[in-house]
C-alpha atoms as a PDB file:
ATOM      1  CA  MET A   1      -1.969  18.996  56.014  1.00  0.00           C
ATOM      2  CA  LYS A   2       0.971  18.831  53.777  1.00  0.00           C
ATOM      3  CA  ARG A   3       1.295  15.241  54.165  1.00  0.00           C
ATOM      4  CA  ILE A   4      -2.103  14.684  53.261  1.00  0.00           C
ATOM      5  CA  VAL A   5      -1.912  16.773  50.258  1.00  0.00           C
ATOM      6  CA  VAL A   6       1.198  14.759  49.111  1.00  0.00           C
ATOM      7  CA  LEU A   7      -0.289  11.346  49.794  1.00  0.00           C
ATOM      8  CA  PHE A   8      -3.533  12.487  47.922  1.00  0.00           C
ATOM      9  CA  ILE A   9      -1.401  13.543  44.792  1.00  0.00           C
ATOM     10  CA  VAL A  10       0.663  10.323  44.998  1.00  0.00           C
ATOM     11  CA  LEU A  11      -2.308   8.167  45.243  1.00  0.00           C
ATOM     12  CA  PHE A  12      -4.041  10.177  42.387  1.00  0.00           C
ATOM     13  CA  GLY A  13      -0.881   9.552  40.344  1.00  0.00           C
ATOM     14  CA  PHE A  14      -0.873   5.869  40.779  1.00  0.00           C
ATOM     15  CA  TYR A  15      -4.570   5.749  39.944  1.00  0.00           C
ATOM     16  CA  SER A  16      -4.289   7.805  36.713  1.00  0.00           C
ATOM     17  CA  CYS A  17      -1.451   5.556  35.538  1.00  0.00           C
ATOM     18  CA  ASN A  18      -3.722   2.332  35.872  1.00  0.00           C
ATOM     19  CA  GLU A  19      -3.938   0.609  32.486  1.00  0.00           C
ATOM     20  CA  THR A  20      -6.609  -1.956  31.568  1.00  0.00           C
ATOM     21  CA  VAL A  21      -5.004  -4.959  30.104  1.00  0.00           C
ATOM     22  CA  GLY A  22      -6.805  -8.160  29.281  1.00  0.00           C
ATOM     23  CA  ASN A  23      -8.957  -9.647  26.777  1.00  0.00           C
ATOM     24  CA  ASP A  24     -11.939  -7.277  27.231  1.00  0.00           C
ATOM     25  CA  GLU A  25      -9.997  -4.456  25.466  1.00  0.00           C
ATOM     26  CA  HIS A  26     -11.660  -2.654  22.689  1.00  0.00           C
ATOM     27  CA  GLU A  27     -10.651  -4.044  19.160  1.00  0.00           C
ATOM     28  CA  LYS A  28      -8.128  -1.736  17.271  1.00  0.00           C
ATOM     29  CA  VAL A  29      -9.983  -2.384  13.924  1.00  0.00           C
ATOM     30  CA  ASN A  30     -13.728  -1.586  13.388  1.00  0.00           C
ATOM     31  CA  TRP A  31     -14.508  -4.302  11.086  1.00  0.00           C
ATOM     32  CA  ASN A  32     -18.300  -3.326  10.741  1.00  0.00           C
ATOM     33  CA  ALA A  33     -17.287   0.022   9.218  1.00  0.00           C
ATOM     34  CA  ARG A  34     -15.206  -1.643   6.604  1.00  0.00           C
ATOM     35  CA  LYS A  35     -18.046  -4.015   5.369  1.00  0.00           C
ATOM     36  CA  THR A  36     -18.560  -4.188   1.547  1.00  0.00           C
ATOM     37  CA  THR A  37     -19.995  -6.421  -1.228  1.00  0.00           C
ATOM     38  CA  VAL A  38     -17.800  -8.175  -3.660  1.00  0.00           C
ATOM     39  CA  LYS A  39     -19.547  -9.247  -6.786  1.00  0.00           C
ATOM     40  CA  SER A  40     -18.898 -12.395  -8.637  1.00  0.00           C
ATOM     41  CA  THR A  41     -18.756 -10.360 -11.960  1.00  0.00           C
ATOM     42  CA  ASP A  42     -15.554  -8.499 -10.565  1.00  0.00           C
ATOM     43  CA  SER A  43     -12.564  -9.597 -12.118  1.00  0.00           C
ATOM     44  CA  LEU A  44     -10.473 -10.408  -8.870  1.00  0.00           C
ATOM     45  CA  VAL A  45      -7.815 -12.591  -8.078  1.00  0.00           C
ATOM     46  CA  SER A  46      -8.305 -14.757  -4.905  1.00  0.00           C
ATOM     47  CA  GLY A  47      -5.578 -15.935  -2.601  1.00  0.00           C
ATOM     48  CA  LYS A  48      -5.319 -17.696   0.698  1.00  0.00           C
ATOM     49  CA  SER A  49      -2.506 -17.189   3.073  1.00  0.00           C
ATOM     50  CA  TYR A  50      -1.134 -18.816   6.415  1.00  0.00           C
ATOM     51  CA  LEU A  51       0.561 -16.775   9.127  1.00  0.00           C
ATOM     52  CA  SER A  52       2.085 -18.279  12.000  1.00  0.00           C
ATOM     53  CA  VAL A  53       1.705 -16.328  15.347  1.00  0.00           C
ATOM     54  CA  TYR A  54       3.183 -17.190  18.730  1.00  0.00           C
ATOM     55  CA  SER A  55       1.175 -16.278  21.999  1.00  0.00           C
ATOM     56  CA  GLN A  56       3.920 -18.229  23.967  1.00  0.00           C
ATOM     57  CA  ILE A  57       7.579 -19.535  23.272  1.00  0.00           C
ATOM     58  CA  TYR A  58       9.313 -22.275  25.196  1.00  0.00           C
ATOM     59  CA  SER A  59      12.152 -20.949  27.680  1.00  0.00           C
ATOM     60  CA  TYR A  60      14.703 -23.413  29.356  1.00  0.00           C
ATOM     61  CA  SER A  61      12.578 -26.393  28.459  1.00  0.00           C
ATOM     62  CA  GLN A  62       9.318 -27.530  27.137  1.00  0.00           C
ATOM     63  CA  HIS A  63       7.731 -27.054  30.524  1.00  0.00           C
ATOM     64  CA  LYS A  64       8.340 -23.303  30.786  1.00  0.00           C
ATOM     65  CA  THR A  65       6.775 -20.861  28.623  1.00  0.00           C
ATOM     66  CA  TYR A  66       7.141 -17.098  28.058  1.00  0.00           C
ATOM     67  CA  ASN A  67       4.306 -15.110  26.992  1.00  0.00           C
ATOM     68  CA  LEU A  68       4.521 -12.512  24.012  1.00  0.00           C
ATOM     69  CA  THR A  69       2.366  -9.717  22.466  1.00  0.00           C
ATOM     70  CA  ALA A  70       1.526 -10.563  18.743  1.00  0.00           C
ATOM     71  CA  MET A  71       0.730  -7.713  16.499  1.00  0.00           C
ATOM     72  CA  ILE A  72      -0.854  -8.988  13.138  1.00  0.00           C
ATOM     73  CA  SER A  73      -0.115  -6.619  10.203  1.00  0.00           C
ATOM     74  CA  ILE A  74      -2.388  -6.798   7.226  1.00  0.00           C
ATOM     75  CA  ARG A  75      -1.033  -4.480   4.268  1.00  0.00           C
ATOM     76  CA  ASN A  76      -2.465  -3.385   1.052  1.00  0.00           C
ATOM     77  CA  THR A  77       0.597  -3.257  -1.207  1.00  0.00           C
ATOM     78  CA  SER A  78      -1.282  -1.399  -4.053  1.00  0.00           C
ATOM     79  CA  ASP A  79      -1.023   2.406  -4.665  1.00  0.00           C
ATOM     80  CA  LYS A  80      -4.097   2.505  -6.725  1.00  0.00           C
ATOM     81  CA  ASP A  81      -6.546  -0.420  -5.942  1.00  0.00           C
ATOM     82  CA  SER A  82      -8.347  -1.536  -2.772  1.00  0.00           C
ATOM     83  CA  MET A  83      -8.174  -5.141  -1.690  1.00  0.00           C
ATOM     84  CA  TYR A  84     -10.694  -7.325   0.216  1.00  0.00           C
ATOM     85  CA  LEU A  85     -10.710  -9.822   2.971  1.00  0.00           C
ATOM     86  CA  SER A  86     -13.259 -12.482   3.169  1.00  0.00           C
ATOM     87  CA  GLN A  87     -11.885 -14.409   6.011  1.00  0.00           C
ATOM     88  CA  VAL A  88      -9.602 -13.576   8.864  1.00  0.00           C
ATOM     89  CA  ASN A  89      -9.511 -16.620  11.130  1.00  0.00           C
ATOM     90  CA  TYR A  90      -7.299 -17.079  14.102  1.00  0.00           C
ATOM     91  CA  TYR A  91      -6.514 -20.795  15.421  1.00  0.00           C
ATOM     92  CA  ASP A  92      -4.672 -22.140  18.246  1.00  0.00           C
ATOM     93  CA  THR A  93      -1.892 -24.742  18.532  1.00  0.00           C
ATOM     94  CA  HIS A  94      -4.297 -27.635  18.158  1.00  0.00           C
ATOM     95  CA  GLY A  95      -5.943 -26.125  15.124  1.00  0.00           C
ATOM     96  CA  SER A  96      -9.252 -25.116  17.010  1.00  0.00           C
ATOM     97  CA  LEU A  97     -10.617 -21.818  15.833  1.00  0.00           C
ATOM     98  CA  LEU A  98     -10.447 -19.051  18.378  1.00  0.00           C
ATOM     99  CA  LYS A  99     -11.919 -16.397  16.695  1.00  0.00           C
ATOM    100  CA  ALA A 100     -13.184 -15.329  13.088  1.00  0.00           C
ATOM    101  CA  TYR A 101     -12.609 -11.785  12.988  1.00  0.00           C
ATOM    102  CA  ILE A 102     -15.081 -10.827  10.122  1.00  0.00           C
ATOM    103  CA  ASN A 103     -18.344 -12.314   8.873  1.00  0.00           C
ATOM    104  CA  ASN A 104     -18.653 -10.274   5.555  1.00  0.00           C
ATOM    105  CA  PRO A 105     -16.143  -9.103   3.264  1.00  0.00           C
ATOM    106  CA  VAL A 106     -14.117  -5.901   4.268  1.00  0.00           C
ATOM    107  CA  TYR A 107     -11.841  -3.717   2.239  1.00  0.00           C
ATOM    108  CA  LEU A 108      -8.526  -2.061   2.698  1.00  0.00           C
ATOM    109  CA  THR A 109      -7.864   1.195   0.600  1.00  0.00           C
ATOM    110  CA  PRO A 110      -4.640   1.381  -1.394  1.00  0.00           C
ATOM    111  CA  MET A 111      -1.466   1.488   0.871  1.00  0.00           C
ATOM    112  CA  GLU A 112      -3.498   0.930   4.011  1.00  0.00           C
ATOM    113  CA  THR A 113      -2.389  -1.133   6.892  1.00  0.00           C
ATOM    114  CA  ILE A 114      -4.682  -2.536   9.654  1.00  0.00           C
ATOM    115  CA  ASP A 115      -3.399  -4.325  12.844  1.00  0.00           C
ATOM    116  CA  ILE A 116      -4.483  -7.059  15.007  1.00  0.00           C
ATOM    117  CA  VAL A 117      -3.209  -7.067  18.522  1.00  0.00           C
ATOM    118  CA  ILE A 118      -3.273  -9.980  20.499  1.00  0.00           C
ATOM    119  CA  ASN A 119      -2.325  -9.068  24.189  1.00  0.00           C
ATOM    120  CA  GLU A 120       0.531 -10.757  26.090  1.00  0.00           C
ATOM    121  CA  VAL A 121      -1.839 -12.103  28.605  1.00  0.00           C
ATOM    122  CA  ASP A 122      -4.077 -13.882  26.018  1.00  0.00           C
ATOM    123  CA  ILE A 123      -2.101 -17.164  25.716  1.00  0.00           C
ATOM    124  CA  ALA A 124      -4.925 -19.083  23.980  1.00  0.00           C
ATOM    125  CA  GLY A 125      -2.995 -19.340  20.620  1.00  0.00           C
ATOM    126  CA  GLY A 126      -0.212 -21.094  22.600  1.00  0.00           C
ATOM    127  CA  THR A 127       3.139 -21.936  20.863  1.00  0.00           C
ATOM    128  CA  GLY A 128       1.559 -22.708  17.658  1.00  0.00           C
ATOM    129  CA  GLY A 129      -1.128 -20.262  16.785  1.00  0.00           C
ATOM    130  CA  ASN A 130      -1.983 -19.260  13.356  1.00  0.00           C
ATOM    131  CA  PHE A 131      -3.983 -17.120  10.971  1.00  0.00           C
ATOM    132  CA  ILE A 132      -5.706 -18.041   7.723  1.00  0.00           C
ATOM    133  CA  PHE A 133      -6.653 -14.936   5.467  1.00  0.00           C
ATOM    134  CA  ASN A 134      -8.689 -15.248   2.317  1.00  0.00           C
ATOM    135  CA  TRP A 135      -8.256 -12.215   0.157  1.00  0.00           C
ATOM    136  CA  GLU A 136      -9.096 -10.888  -3.310  1.00  0.00           C
ATOM    137  CA  THR A 137      -7.406  -8.048  -5.349  1.00  0.00           C
ATOM    138  CA  PRO A 138      -7.818  -6.753  -8.688  1.00  0.00           C
ATOM    139  CA  GLN A 139      -6.064  -8.533 -11.567  1.00  0.00           C
ATOM    140  CA  ASP A 140      -2.410  -6.879 -11.967  1.00  0.00           C
ATOM    141  CA  SER A 141      -2.491  -5.578  -8.460  1.00  0.00           C
ATOM    142  CA  PRO A 142       0.536  -6.829  -6.103  1.00  0.00           C
ATOM    143  CA  GLU A 143      -0.419  -9.433  -3.454  1.00  0.00           C
ATOM    144  CA  PRO A 144      -1.089  -8.191   0.031  1.00  0.00           C
ATOM    145  CA  ILE A 145       1.525  -8.689   2.688  1.00  0.00           C
ATOM    146  CA  PHE A 146       0.576 -10.332   6.158  1.00  0.00           C
ATOM    147  CA  GLU A 147       3.216 -10.199   9.027  1.00  0.00           C
ATOM    148  CA  GLY A 148       3.406 -11.140  12.668  1.00  0.00           C
ATOM    149  CA  VAL A 149       5.612  -9.198  15.152  1.00  0.00           C
ATOM    150  CA  MET A 150       5.789 -10.696  18.502  1.00  0.00           C
ATOM    151  CA  THR A 151       7.408  -8.738  21.404  1.00  0.00           C
ATOM    152  CA  SER A 152       7.861  -8.982  24.891  1.00  0.00           C
ATOM    153  CA  THR A 153       9.865  -6.661  27.517  1.00  0.00           C
ATOM    154  CA  SER A 154      10.791  -7.638  31.077  1.00  0.00           C
ATOM    155  CA  GLY A 155      12.820  -5.403  33.077  1.00  0.00           C
ATOM    156  CA  GLN A 156      15.971  -4.245  30.705  1.00  0.00           C
ATOM    157  CA  GLN A 157      15.373  -7.165  28.582  1.00  0.00           C
ATOM    158  CA  GLY A 158      13.382  -7.308  25.231  1.00  0.00           C
ATOM    159  CA  LEU A 159      12.492  -9.958  22.751  1.00  0.00           C
ATOM    160  CA  SER A 160      10.958  -9.515  19.368  1.00  0.00           C
ATOM    161  CA  PHE A 161      10.755 -11.458  16.105  1.00  0.00           C
ATOM    162  CA  LEU A 162       8.885 -11.482  12.849  1.00  0.00           C
ATOM    163  CA  THR A 163       6.811 -13.927  10.928  1.00  0.00           C
ATOM    164  CA  HIS A 164       5.830 -13.691   7.338  1.00  0.00           C
ATOM    165  CA  ALA A 165       2.642 -15.354   5.875  1.00  0.00           C
ATOM    166  CA  LYS A 166       2.946 -17.942   3.191  1.00  0.00           C
ATOM    167  CA  ARG A 167       0.354 -18.197   0.266  1.00  0.00           C
ATOM    168  CA  ILE A 168      -1.259 -21.534   0.428  1.00  0.00           C
ATOM    169  CA  ASP A 169      -3.773 -21.246  -2.356  1.00  0.00           C
END
């Protein structure tokens, strides 16, 4: 009887530790709750930024790749003004659109940061994935910061690096 109880506890422990990993996870950001309207009469400064993101990197040769988790960080650097995003698009290595995250303008409150996470098993972006952000801020507000943090761990080894967006418009 003791063996059955112990076996049941062990099996229950394994079952309770089961995590769902994959492309069907719920998104971290509720974009619909952030919808807003930006009027053309508002005196906003527009910008466009490009961020490189790596779902995979080469290892040993061009024929072996290593998968990464990517966290895209969108940061409003103003301590008094909201910022607005009108486009958040994710492209793969070949320039094909993988996902348009928003259909309507969304806002970030002062000093707010939101993250987009691309799971390690989602390798659609490949070795040359990228994001394009169209954004608007009130005049005299600092520009937002867009960063990518790529990570992976295997056994006792870990790998991480950071990319910074470049303003292209």
